[in-house]
């Protein structure tokens, strides 16, 4: 079960500078719909989150926000679930260089 929820749009004053948006991904120990629901409810209460995805099958939580990573980490941790930073996605492997033919 995957819940993708856009956070309610907040209207900022026209003079406010745009904050940088970050995407954070966490691995969260969730064993049932109640677990993922607890994380979903906790994130729904946080102002400043643009959107989030809670995926029970992969045990991943992805959050798009201008808030600091530590803030989101603590919100998830307060649900009582074990939370860790998700490992970085591996970069695309570079194609190996072709050996150059010797010229005489």
PDB file of N, CA and C in Angstrom:
ATOM      1  N   UNK A   1       0.851  -1.169   0.000  1.00  0.00           N
ATOM      2  CA  UNK A   1       0.000   0.000   0.000  1.00  0.00           C
ATOM      3  C   UNK A   1       0.893   1.228   0.000  1.00  0.00           C
ATOM      4  N   UNK A   2       0.647   2.133  -0.918  1.00  0.00           N
ATOM      5  CA  UNK A   2       1.420   3.356  -1.017  1.00  0.00           C
ATOM      6  C   UNK A   2       0.468   4.529  -0.907  1.00  0.00           C
ATOM      7  N   UNK A   3       0.764   5.449  -0.009  1.00  0.00           N
ATOM      8  CA  UNK A   3      -0.023   6.659   0.139  1.00  0.00           C
ATOM      9  C   UNK A   3       0.833   7.821  -0.331  1.00  0.00           C
ATOM     10  N   UNK A   4       0.409   8.501  -1.394  1.00  0.00           N
ATOM     11  CA  UNK A   4       1.080   9.713  -1.820  1.00  0.00           C
ATOM     12  C   UNK A   4       0.113  10.843  -1.543  1.00  0.00           C
ATOM     13  N   UNK A   5       0.560  11.779  -0.749  1.00  0.00           N
ATOM     14  CA  UNK A   5      -0.330  12.830  -0.303  1.00  0.00           C
ATOM     15  C   UNK A   5       0.309  14.183  -0.537  1.00  0.00           C
ATOM     16  N   UNK A   6      -0.329  15.037  -1.359  1.00  0.00           N
ATOM     17  CA  UNK A   6       0.180  16.395  -1.441  1.00  0.00           C
ATOM     18  C   UNK A   6      -0.277  17.146  -0.206  1.00  0.00           C
ATOM     19  N   UNK A   7       0.624  17.875   0.394  1.00  0.00           N
ATOM     20  CA  UNK A   7       0.267  18.661   1.567  1.00  0.00           C
ATOM     21  C   UNK A   7      -0.575  19.845   1.113  1.00  0.00           C
ATOM     22  N   UNK A   8      -1.433  20.369   1.984  1.00  0.00           N
ATOM     23  CA  UNK A   8      -2.230  21.525   1.612  1.00  0.00           C
ATOM     24  C   UNK A   8      -1.320  22.681   1.218  1.00  0.00           C
ATOM     25  N   UNK A   9      -1.708  23.360   0.160  1.00  0.00           N
ATOM     26  CA  UNK A   9      -0.888  24.471  -0.331  1.00  0.00           C
ATOM     27  C   UNK A   9      -1.000  25.652   0.625  1.00  0.00           C
ATOM     28  N   UNK A  10       0.147  26.139   1.022  1.00  0.00           N
ATOM     29  CA  UNK A  10       0.179  27.323   1.871  1.00  0.00           C
ATOM     30  C   UNK A  10       0.447  28.525   0.973  1.00  0.00           C
ATOM     31  N   UNK A  11      -0.229  29.592   1.231  1.00  0.00           N
ATOM     32  CA  UNK A  11      -0.040  30.793   0.433  1.00  0.00           C
ATOM     33  C   UNK A  11       0.970  31.676   1.140  1.00  0.00           C
ATOM     34  N   UNK A  12       2.102  31.882   0.489  1.00  0.00           N
ATOM     35  CA  UNK A  12       3.156  32.713   1.060  1.00  0.00           C
ATOM     36  C   UNK A  12       3.024  34.121   0.513  1.00  0.00           C
ATOM     37  N   UNK A  13       3.420  35.121   1.294  1.00  0.00           N
ATOM     38  CA  UNK A  13       3.389  36.481   0.793  1.00  0.00           C
ATOM     39  C   UNK A  13       4.287  36.608  -0.440  1.00  0.00           C
ATOM     40  N   UNK A  14       3.914  37.497  -1.337  1.00  0.00           N
ATOM     41  CA  UNK A  14       4.646  37.654  -2.584  1.00  0.00           C
ATOM     42  C   UNK A  14       6.087  38.086  -2.345  1.00  0.00           C
ATOM     43  N   UNK A  15       6.373  38.714  -1.216  1.00  0.00           N
ATOM     44  CA  UNK A  15       7.724  39.190  -0.947  1.00  0.00           C
ATOM     45  C   UNK A  15       8.614  38.136  -0.308  1.00  0.00           C
ATOM     46  N   UNK A  16       8.049  36.994   0.083  1.00  0.00           N
ATOM     47  CA  UNK A  16       8.842  35.959   0.749  1.00  0.00           C
ATOM     48  C   UNK A  16       9.732  35.251  -0.268  1.00  0.00           C
ATOM     49  N   UNK A  17      11.023  35.078   0.056  1.00  0.00           N
ATOM     50  CA  UNK A  17      11.890  34.349  -0.869  1.00  0.00           C
ATOM     51  C   UNK A  17      11.516  32.865  -0.880  1.00  0.00           C
ATOM     52  N   UNK A  18      11.667  32.245  -2.026  1.00  0.00           N
ATOM     53  CA  UNK A  18      11.350  30.827  -2.142  1.00  0.00           C
ATOM     54  C   UNK A  18      12.436  30.012  -1.440  1.00  0.00           C
ATOM     55  N   UNK A  19      12.003  29.092  -0.583  1.00  0.00           N
ATOM     56  CA  UNK A  19      12.956  28.228   0.127  1.00  0.00           C
ATOM     57  C   UNK A  19      13.338  27.066  -0.785  1.00  0.00           C
ATOM     58  N   UNK A  20      14.545  26.593  -0.628  1.00  0.00           N
ATOM     59  CA  UNK A  20      14.994  25.460  -1.419  1.00  0.00           C
ATOM     60  C   UNK A  20      14.209  24.220  -1.009  1.00  0.00           C
ATOM     61  N   UNK A  21      13.768  23.465  -1.977  1.00  0.00           N
ATOM     62  CA  UNK A  21      13.017  22.251  -1.708  1.00  0.00           C
ATOM     63  C   UNK A  21      13.968  21.067  -1.756  1.00  0.00           C
ATOM     64  N   UNK A  22      13.838  20.195  -0.767  1.00  0.00           N
ATOM     65  CA  UNK A  22      14.669  19.001  -0.681  1.00  0.00           C
ATOM     66  C   UNK A  22      13.786  17.762  -0.707  1.00  0.00           C
ATOM     67  N   UNK A  23      14.354  16.673  -1.177  1.00  0.00           N
ATOM     68  CA  UNK A  23      13.677  15.384  -1.135  1.00  0.00           C
ATOM     69  C   UNK A  23      14.472  14.479  -0.209  1.00  0.00           C
ATOM     70  N   UNK A  24      13.798  13.974   0.815  1.00  0.00           N
ATOM     71  CA  UNK A  24      14.427  13.088   1.785  1.00  0.00           C
ATOM     72  C   UNK A  24      13.762  11.727   1.686  1.00  0.00           C
ATOM     73  N   UNK A  25      14.557  10.672   1.821  1.00  0.00           N
ATOM     74  CA  UNK A  25      14.009   9.325   1.808  1.00  0.00           C
ATOM     75  C   UNK A  25      14.532   8.570   3.022  1.00  0.00           C
ATOM     76  N   UNK A  26      13.606   7.888   3.691  1.00  0.00           N
ATOM     77  CA  UNK A  26      13.922   7.154   4.905  1.00  0.00           C
ATOM     78  C   UNK A  26      13.455   5.711   4.776  1.00  0.00           C
ATOM     79  N   UNK A  27      14.129   4.818   5.474  1.00  0.00           N
ATOM     80  CA  UNK A  27      13.673   3.441   5.628  1.00  0.00           C
ATOM     81  C   UNK A  27      13.024   3.385   7.007  1.00  0.00           C
ATOM     82  N   UNK A  28      11.750   2.997   7.046  1.00  0.00           N
ATOM     83  CA  UNK A  28      10.995   2.982   8.304  1.00  0.00           C
ATOM     84  C   UNK A  28      10.424   1.581   8.517  1.00  0.00           C
ATOM     85  N   UNK A  29      10.666   1.014   9.690  1.00  0.00           N
ATOM     86  CA  UNK A  29      10.157  -0.322  10.012  1.00  0.00           C
ATOM     87  C   UNK A  29       8.652  -0.241  10.226  1.00  0.00           C
ATOM     88  N   UNK A  30       7.903  -0.703   9.218  1.00  0.00           N
ATOM     89  CA  UNK A  30       6.442  -0.704   9.272  1.00  0.00           C
ATOM     90  C   UNK A  30       5.975  -2.109   8.921  1.00  0.00           C
ATOM     91  N   UNK A  31       5.184  -2.716   9.799  1.00  0.00           N
ATOM     92  CA  UNK A  31       4.767  -4.099   9.568  1.00  0.00           C
ATOM     93  C   UNK A  31       3.297  -4.241   9.180  1.00  0.00           C
ATOM     94  N   UNK A  32       2.531  -3.146   9.266  1.00  0.00           N
ATOM     95  CA  UNK A  32       1.109  -3.252   8.951  1.00  0.00           C
ATOM     96  C   UNK A  32       0.563  -1.884   8.528  1.00  0.00           C
ATOM     97  N   UNK A  33      -0.684  -1.887   8.131  1.00  0.00           N
ATOM     98  CA  UNK A  33      -1.333  -0.646   7.725  1.00  0.00           C
ATOM     99  C   UNK A  33      -1.438   0.357   8.859  1.00  0.00           C
ATOM    100  N   UNK A  34      -1.517  -0.140  10.084  1.00  0.00           N
ATOM    101  CA  UNK A  34      -1.554   0.755  11.237  1.00  0.00           C
ATOM    102  C   UNK A  34      -0.247   1.521  11.384  1.00  0.00           C
ATOM    103  N   UNK A  35       0.852   0.825  11.113  1.00  0.00           N
ATOM    104  CA  UNK A  35       2.174   1.458  11.195  1.00  0.00           C
ATOM    105  C   UNK A  35       2.311   2.556  10.142  1.00  0.00           C
ATOM    106  N   UNK A  36       1.972   2.217   8.907  1.00  0.00           N
ATOM    107  CA  UNK A  36       2.094   3.212   7.842  1.00  0.00           C
ATOM    108  C   UNK A  36       1.096   4.351   8.071  1.00  0.00           C
ATOM    109  N   UNK A  37      -0.068   4.027   8.646  1.00  0.00           N
ATOM    110  CA  UNK A  37      -1.050   5.057   8.956  1.00  0.00           C
ATOM    111  C   UNK A  37      -0.546   6.023  10.011  1.00  0.00           C
ATOM    112  N   UNK A  38       0.186   5.506  10.998  1.00  0.00           N
ATOM    113  CA  UNK A  38       0.744   6.368  12.045  1.00  0.00           C
ATOM    114  C   UNK A  38       1.744   7.352  11.451  1.00  0.00           C
ATOM    115  N   UNK A  39       2.583   6.872  10.539  1.00  0.00           N
ATOM    116  CA  UNK A  39       3.567   7.742   9.892  1.00  0.00           C
ATOM    117  C   UNK A  39       2.843   8.765   9.018  1.00  0.00           C
ATOM    118  N   UNK A  40       1.837   8.321   8.276  1.00  0.00           N
ATOM    119  CA  UNK A  40       1.064   9.222   7.420  1.00  0.00           C
ATOM    120  C   UNK A  40       0.405  10.324   8.240  1.00  0.00           C
ATOM    121  N   UNK A  41      -0.218   9.954   9.357  1.00  0.00           N
ATOM    122  CA  UNK A  41      -0.888  10.945  10.206  1.00  0.00           C
ATOM    123  C   UNK A  41       0.110  11.944  10.788  1.00  0.00           C
ATOM    124  N   UNK A  42       1.284  11.451  11.193  1.00  0.00           N
ATOM    125  CA  UNK A  42       2.297  12.335  11.771  1.00  0.00           C
ATOM    126  C   UNK A  42       2.779  13.347  10.739  1.00  0.00           C
ATOM    127  N   UNK A  43       3.045  12.884   9.517  1.00  0.00           N
ATOM    128  CA  UNK A  43       3.524  13.789   8.469  1.00  0.00           C
ATOM    129  C   UNK A  43       2.445  14.784   8.047  1.00  0.00           C
ATOM    130  N   UNK A  44       1.187  14.356   8.079  1.00  0.00           N
ATOM    131  CA  UNK A  44       0.081  15.230   7.679  1.00  0.00           C
ATOM    132  C   UNK A  44      -0.054  16.444   8.595  1.00  0.00           C
ATOM    133  N   UNK A  45       0.434  16.337   9.824  1.00  0.00           N
ATOM    134  CA  UNK A  45       0.317  17.429  10.792  1.00  0.00           C
ATOM    135  C   UNK A  45       1.426  18.472  10.668  1.00  0.00           C
ATOM    136  N   UNK A  46       2.447  18.178   9.861  1.00  0.00           N
ATOM    137  CA  UNK A  46       3.612  19.060   9.774  1.00  0.00           C
ATOM    138  C   UNK A  46       3.416  20.094   8.674  1.00  0.00           C
ATOM    139  N   UNK A  47       3.455  21.366   9.072  1.00  0.00           N
ATOM    140  CA  UNK A  47       3.375  22.435   8.085  1.00  0.00           C
ATOM    141  C   UNK A  47       4.721  22.566   7.398  1.00  0.00           C
ATOM    142  N   UNK A  48       4.693  22.806   6.091  1.00  0.00           N
ATOM    143  CA  UNK A  48       5.933  22.985   5.354  1.00  0.00           C
ATOM    144  C   UNK A  48       6.321  21.779   4.518  1.00  0.00           C
ATOM    145  N   UNK A  49       5.536  20.707   4.587  1.00  0.00           N
ATOM    146  CA  UNK A  49       5.794  19.545   3.735  1.00  0.00           C
ATOM    147  C   UNK A  49       4.973  19.704   2.469  1.00  0.00           C
ATOM    148  N   UNK A  50       5.649  19.673   1.313  1.00  0.00           N
ATOM    149  CA  UNK A  50       4.946  19.796   0.035  1.00  0.00           C
ATOM    150  C   UNK A  50       4.195  18.515  -0.307  1.00  0.00           C
ATOM    151  N   UNK A  51       4.870  17.372  -0.166  1.00  0.00           N
ATOM    152  CA  UNK A  51       4.219  16.086  -0.409  1.00  0.00           C
ATOM    153  C   UNK A  51       5.040  14.987   0.256  1.00  0.00           C
ATOM    154  N   UNK A  52       4.409  13.826   0.405  1.00  0.00           N
ATOM    155  CA  UNK A  52       5.109  12.689   0.978  1.00  0.00           C
ATOM    156  C   UNK A  52       4.489  11.409   0.461  1.00  0.00           C
ATOM    157  N   UNK A  53       5.289  10.350   0.481  1.00  0.00           N
ATOM    158  CA  UNK A  53       4.842   9.021   0.085  1.00  0.00           C
ATOM    159  C   UNK A  53       5.252   8.058   1.195  1.00  0.00           C
ATOM    160  N   UNK A  54       4.286   7.276   1.665  1.00  0.00           N
ATOM    161  CA  UNK A  54       4.556   6.247   2.664  1.00  0.00           C
ATOM    162  C   UNK A  54       4.257   4.917   1.987  1.00  0.00           C
ATOM    163  N   UNK A  55       5.279   4.087   1.788  1.00  0.00           N
ATOM    164  CA  UNK A  55       5.131   2.820   1.073  1.00  0.00           C
ATOM    165  C   UNK A  55       5.398   1.660   2.025  1.00  0.00           C
ATOM    166  N   UNK A  56       4.335   1.005   2.434  1.00  0.00           N
ATOM    167  CA  UNK A  56       4.440  -0.117   3.372  1.00  0.00           C
ATOM    168  C   UNK A  56       5.219  -1.278   2.760  1.00  0.00           C
ATOM    169  N   UNK A  57       5.003  -1.561   1.491  1.00  0.00           N
ATOM    170  CA  UNK A  57       5.649  -2.706   0.841  1.00  0.00           C
ATOM    171  C   UNK A  57       7.174  -2.587   0.825  1.00  0.00           C
ATOM    172  N   UNK A  58       7.679  -1.386   0.549  1.00  0.00           N
ATOM    173  CA  UNK A  58       9.130  -1.198   0.480  1.00  0.00           C
ATOM    174  C   UNK A  58       9.699  -0.634   1.776  1.00  0.00           C
ATOM    175  N   UNK A  59       8.815  -0.280   2.710  1.00  0.00           N
ATOM    176  CA  UNK A  59       9.194   0.315   3.995  1.00  0.00           C
ATOM    177  C   UNK A  59       9.958   1.616   3.792  1.00  0.00           C
ATOM    178  N   UNK A  60       9.534   2.385   2.802  1.00  0.00           N
ATOM    179  CA  UNK A  60      10.186   3.656   2.478  1.00  0.00           C
ATOM    180  C   UNK A  60       9.209   4.808   2.685  1.00  0.00           C
ATOM    181  N   UNK A  61       9.772   5.922   3.140  1.00  0.00           N
ATOM    182  CA  UNK A  61       9.019   7.167   3.264  1.00  0.00           C
ATOM    183  C   UNK A  61       9.818   8.223   2.519  1.00  0.00           C
ATOM    184  N   UNK A  62       9.159   8.897   1.588  1.00  0.00           N
ATOM    185  CA  UNK A  62       9.800   9.941   0.792  1.00  0.00           C
ATOM    186  C   UNK A  62       9.067  11.252   1.064  1.00  0.00           C
ATOM    187  N   UNK A  63       9.822  12.290   1.400  1.00  0.00           N
ATOM    188  CA  UNK A  63       9.224  13.571   1.774  1.00  0.00           C
ATOM    189  C   UNK A  63       9.868  14.678   0.950  1.00  0.00           C
ATOM    190  N   UNK A  64       9.032  15.543   0.387  1.00  0.00           N
ATOM    191  CA  UNK A  64       9.502  16.721  -0.339  1.00  0.00           C
ATOM    192  C   UNK A  64       9.117  17.936   0.489  1.00  0.00           C
ATOM    193  N   UNK A  65      10.140  18.689   0.898  1.00  0.00           N
ATOM    194  CA  UNK A  65       9.912  19.807   1.814  1.00  0.00           C
ATOM    195  C   UNK A  65      11.087  20.768   1.810  1.00  0.00           C
ATOM    196  N   UNK A  66      10.869  21.955   2.339  1.00  0.00           N
ATOM    197  CA  UNK A  66      11.952  22.910   2.562  1.00  0.00           C
ATOM    198  C   UNK A  66      12.468  22.808   3.998  1.00  0.00           C
ATOM    199  N   UNK A  67      11.817  21.981   4.808  1.00  0.00           N
ATOM    200  CA  UNK A  67      12.235  21.802   6.201  1.00  0.00           C
ATOM    201  C   UNK A  67      13.539  21.015   6.271  1.00  0.00           C
ATOM    202  N   UNK A  68      14.281  21.156   7.368  1.00  0.00           N
ATOM    203  CA  UNK A  68      15.519  20.384   7.529  1.00  0.00           C
ATOM    204  C   UNK A  68      15.236  18.884   7.652  1.00  0.00           C
ATOM    205  N   UNK A  69      16.168  18.067   7.195  1.00  0.00           N
ATOM    206  CA  UNK A  69      16.049  16.615   7.266  1.00  0.00           C
ATOM    207  C   UNK A  69      15.820  16.155   8.696  1.00  0.00           C
ATOM    208  N   UNK A  70      16.514  16.774   9.645  1.00  0.00           N
ATOM    209  CA  UNK A  70      16.402  16.374  11.046  1.00  0.00           C
ATOM    210  C   UNK A  70      14.977  16.535  11.564  1.00  0.00           C
ATOM    211  N   UNK A  71      14.279  17.558  11.107  1.00  0.00           N
ATOM    212  CA  UNK A  71      12.896  17.787  11.538  1.00  0.00           C
ATOM    213  C   UNK A  71      12.009  16.629  11.101  1.00  0.00           C
ATOM    214  N   UNK A  72      12.131  16.230   9.845  1.00  0.00           N
ATOM    215  CA  UNK A  72      11.315  15.129   9.324  1.00  0.00           C
ATOM    216  C   UNK A  72      11.688  13.820  10.005  1.00  0.00           C
ATOM    217  N   UNK A  73      12.985  13.592  10.192  1.00  0.00           N
ATOM    218  CA  UNK A  73      13.476  12.391  10.870  1.00  0.00           C
ATOM    219  C   UNK A  73      12.840  12.275  12.254  1.00  0.00           C
ATOM    220  N   UNK A  74      12.836  13.350  13.016  1.00  0.00           N
ATOM    221  CA  UNK A  74      12.283  13.340  14.375  1.00  0.00           C
ATOM    222  C   UNK A  74      10.775  13.119  14.379  1.00  0.00           C
ATOM    223  N   UNK A  75      10.063  13.685  13.410  1.00  0.00           N
ATOM    224  CA  UNK A  75       8.612  13.477  13.325  1.00  0.00           C
ATOM    225  C   UNK A  75       8.314  11.992  13.141  1.00  0.00           C
ATOM    226  N   UNK A  76       9.054  11.355  12.228  1.00  0.00           N
ATOM    227  CA  UNK A  76       8.833   9.922  11.989  1.00  0.00           C
ATOM    228  C   UNK A  76       9.249   9.112  13.215  1.00  0.00           C
ATOM    229  N   UNK A  77      10.362   9.468  13.828  1.00  0.00           N
ATOM    230  CA  UNK A  77      10.867   8.747  15.000  1.00  0.00           C
ATOM    231  C   UNK A  77       9.868   8.797  16.162  1.00  0.00           C
ATOM    232  N   UNK A  78       9.169   9.914  16.309  1.00  0.00           N
ATOM    233  CA  UNK A  78       8.205  10.065  17.410  1.00  0.00           C
ATOM    234  C   UNK A  78       7.005   9.132  17.267  1.00  0.00           C
ATOM    235  N   UNK A  79       6.827   8.505  16.096  1.00  0.00           N
ATOM    236  CA  UNK A  79       5.746   7.524  15.943  1.00  0.00           C
ATOM    237  C   UNK A  79       6.109   6.207  16.609  1.00  0.00           C
ATOM    238  N   UNK A  80       7.375   6.077  17.050  1.00  0.00           N
ATOM    239  CA  UNK A  80       7.823   4.850  17.691  1.00  0.00           C
ATOM    240  C   UNK A  80       8.406   3.843  16.716  1.00  0.00           C
ATOM    241  N   UNK A  81       8.474   4.205  15.453  1.00  0.00           N
ATOM    242  CA  UNK A  81       9.023   3.309  14.432  1.00  0.00           C
ATOM    243  C   UNK A  81      10.528   3.494  14.328  1.00  0.00           C
ATOM    244  N   UNK A  82      11.225   2.410  13.993  1.00  0.00           N
ATOM    245  CA  UNK A  82      12.657   2.483  13.739  1.00  0.00           C
ATOM    246  C   UNK A  82      12.839   3.179  12.394  1.00  0.00           C
ATOM    247  N   UNK A  83      13.624   4.244  12.366  1.00  0.00           N
ATOM    248  CA  UNK A  83      13.804   5.019  11.132  1.00  0.00           C
ATOM    249  C   UNK A  83      15.289   5.221  10.868  1.00  0.00           C
ATOM    250  N   UNK A  84      15.650   5.091   9.608  1.00  0.00           N
ATOM    251  CA  UNK A  84      17.033   5.297   9.169  1.00  0.00           C
ATOM    252  C   UNK A  84      17.007   6.054   7.851  1.00  0.00           C
ATOM    253  N   UNK A  85      18.094   6.740   7.550  1.00  0.00           N
ATOM    254  CA  UNK A  85      18.213   7.364   6.237  1.00  0.00           C
ATOM    255  C   UNK A  85      18.286   6.255   5.194  1.00  0.00           C
ATOM    256  N   UNK A  86      17.580   6.437   4.096  1.00  0.00           N
ATOM    257  CA  UNK A  86      17.648   5.456   3.013  1.00  0.00           C
ATOM    258  C   UNK A  86      19.006   5.549   2.344  1.00  0.00           C
ATOM    259  N   UNK A  87      19.541   4.409   1.928  1.00  0.00           N
ATOM    260  CA  UNK A  87      20.821   4.464   1.226  1.00  0.00           C
ATOM    261  C   UNK A  87      20.670   5.225  -0.080  1.00  0.00           C
ATOM    262  N   UNK A  88      21.720   5.917  -0.463  1.00  0.00           N
ATOM    263  CA  UNK A  88      21.692   6.684  -1.702  1.00  0.00           C
ATOM    264  C   UNK A  88      21.555   5.728  -2.875  1.00  0.00           C
ATOM    265  N   UNK A  89      20.820   6.182  -3.869  1.00  0.00           N
ATOM    266  CA  UNK A  89      20.683   5.389  -5.081  1.00  0.00           C
ATOM    267  C   UNK A  89      22.033   5.325  -5.779  1.00  0.00           C
ATOM    268  N   UNK A  90      22.428   4.160  -6.247  1.00  0.00           N
ATOM    269  CA  UNK A  90      23.716   4.089  -6.941  1.00  0.00           C
ATOM    270  C   UNK A  90      23.678   4.885  -8.237  1.00  0.00           C
ATOM    271  N   UNK A  91      24.772   5.540  -8.525  1.00  0.00           N
ATOM    272  CA  UNK A  91      24.863   6.306  -9.763  1.00  0.00           C
ATOM    273  C   UNK A  91      24.938   5.336 -10.930  1.00  0.00           C
ATOM    274  N   UNK A  92      24.508   5.803 -12.071  1.00  0.00           N
ATOM    275  CA  UNK A  92      24.599   4.985 -13.272  1.00  0.00           C
ATOM    276  C   UNK A  92      26.070   4.659 -13.513  1.00  0.00           C
ATOM    277  N   UNK A  93      26.383   3.394 -13.718  1.00  0.00           N
ATOM    278  CA  UNK A  93      27.792   3.072 -13.959  1.00  0.00           C
ATOM    279  C   UNK A  93      28.258   3.669 -15.275  1.00  0.00           C
ATOM    280  N   UNK A  94      29.454   4.204 -15.246  1.00  0.00           N
ATOM    281  CA  UNK A  94      30.022   4.774 -16.457  1.00  0.00           C
ATOM    282  C   UNK A  94      30.387   3.635 -17.395  1.00  0.00           C
ATOM    283  N   UNK A  95      30.235   3.891 -18.674  1.00  0.00           N
ATOM    284  CA  UNK A  95      30.596   2.864 -19.632  1.00  0.00           C
ATOM    285  C   UNK A  95      32.109   2.719 -19.636  1.00  0.00           C
ATOM    286  N   UNK A  96      32.585   1.488 -19.627  1.00  0.00           N
ATOM    287  CA  UNK A  96      34.045   1.318 -19.625  1.00  0.00           C
ATOM    288  C   UNK A  96      34.647   1.845 -20.910  1.00  0.00           C
ATOM    289  N   UNK A  97      35.830   2.389 -20.765  1.00  0.00           N
ATOM    290  CA  UNK A  97      36.510   2.913 -21.935  1.00  0.00           C
ATOM    291  C   UNK A  97      36.923   1.765 -22.824  1.00  0.00           C
ATOM    292  N   UNK A  98      36.750   1.947 -24.111  1.00  0.00           N
ATOM    293  CA  UNK A  98      37.181   0.948 -25.079  1.00  0.00           C
ATOM    294  C   UNK A  98      38.692   1.071 -25.258  1.00  0.00           C
ATOM    295  N   UNK A  99      39.381  -0.040 -25.294  1.00  0.00           N
ATOM    296  CA  UNK A  99      40.833   0.063 -25.512  1.00  0.00           C
ATOM    297  C   UNK A  99      41.124   0.691 -26.868  1.00  0.00           C
ATOM    298  N   UNK A 100      42.100   1.547 -26.857  1.00  0.00           N
ATOM    299  CA  UNK A 100      42.472   2.202 -28.104  1.00  0.00           C
ATOM    300  C   UNK A 100      43.398   1.303 -28.882  1.00  0.00           C
ATOM    301  N   UNK A 101      43.177   1.299 -30.180  1.00  0.00           N
ATOM    302  CA  UNK A 101      44.035   0.471 -31.029  1.00  0.00           C
ATOM    303  C   UNK A 101      45.377   1.156 -31.207  1.00  0.00           C
ATOM    304  N   UNK A 102      46.401   0.360 -31.162  1.00  0.00           N
ATOM    305  CA  UNK A 102      47.733   0.909 -31.342  1.00  0.00           C
ATOM    306  C   UNK A 102      47.931   1.319 -32.797  1.00  0.00           C
ATOM    307  N   UNK A 103      48.542   2.445 -32.969  1.00  0.00           N
ATOM    308  CA  UNK A 103      48.837   2.886 -34.340  1.00  0.00           C
ATOM    309  C   UNK A 103      50.323   2.760 -34.575  1.00  0.00           C
ATOM    310  N   UNK A 104      50.692   2.349 -35.790  1.00  0.00           N
ATOM    311  CA  UNK A 104      52.118   2.156 -36.092  1.00  0.00           C
ATOM    312  C   UNK A 104      52.660   3.284 -36.899  1.00  0.00           C
TER     313      UNK A 104
END
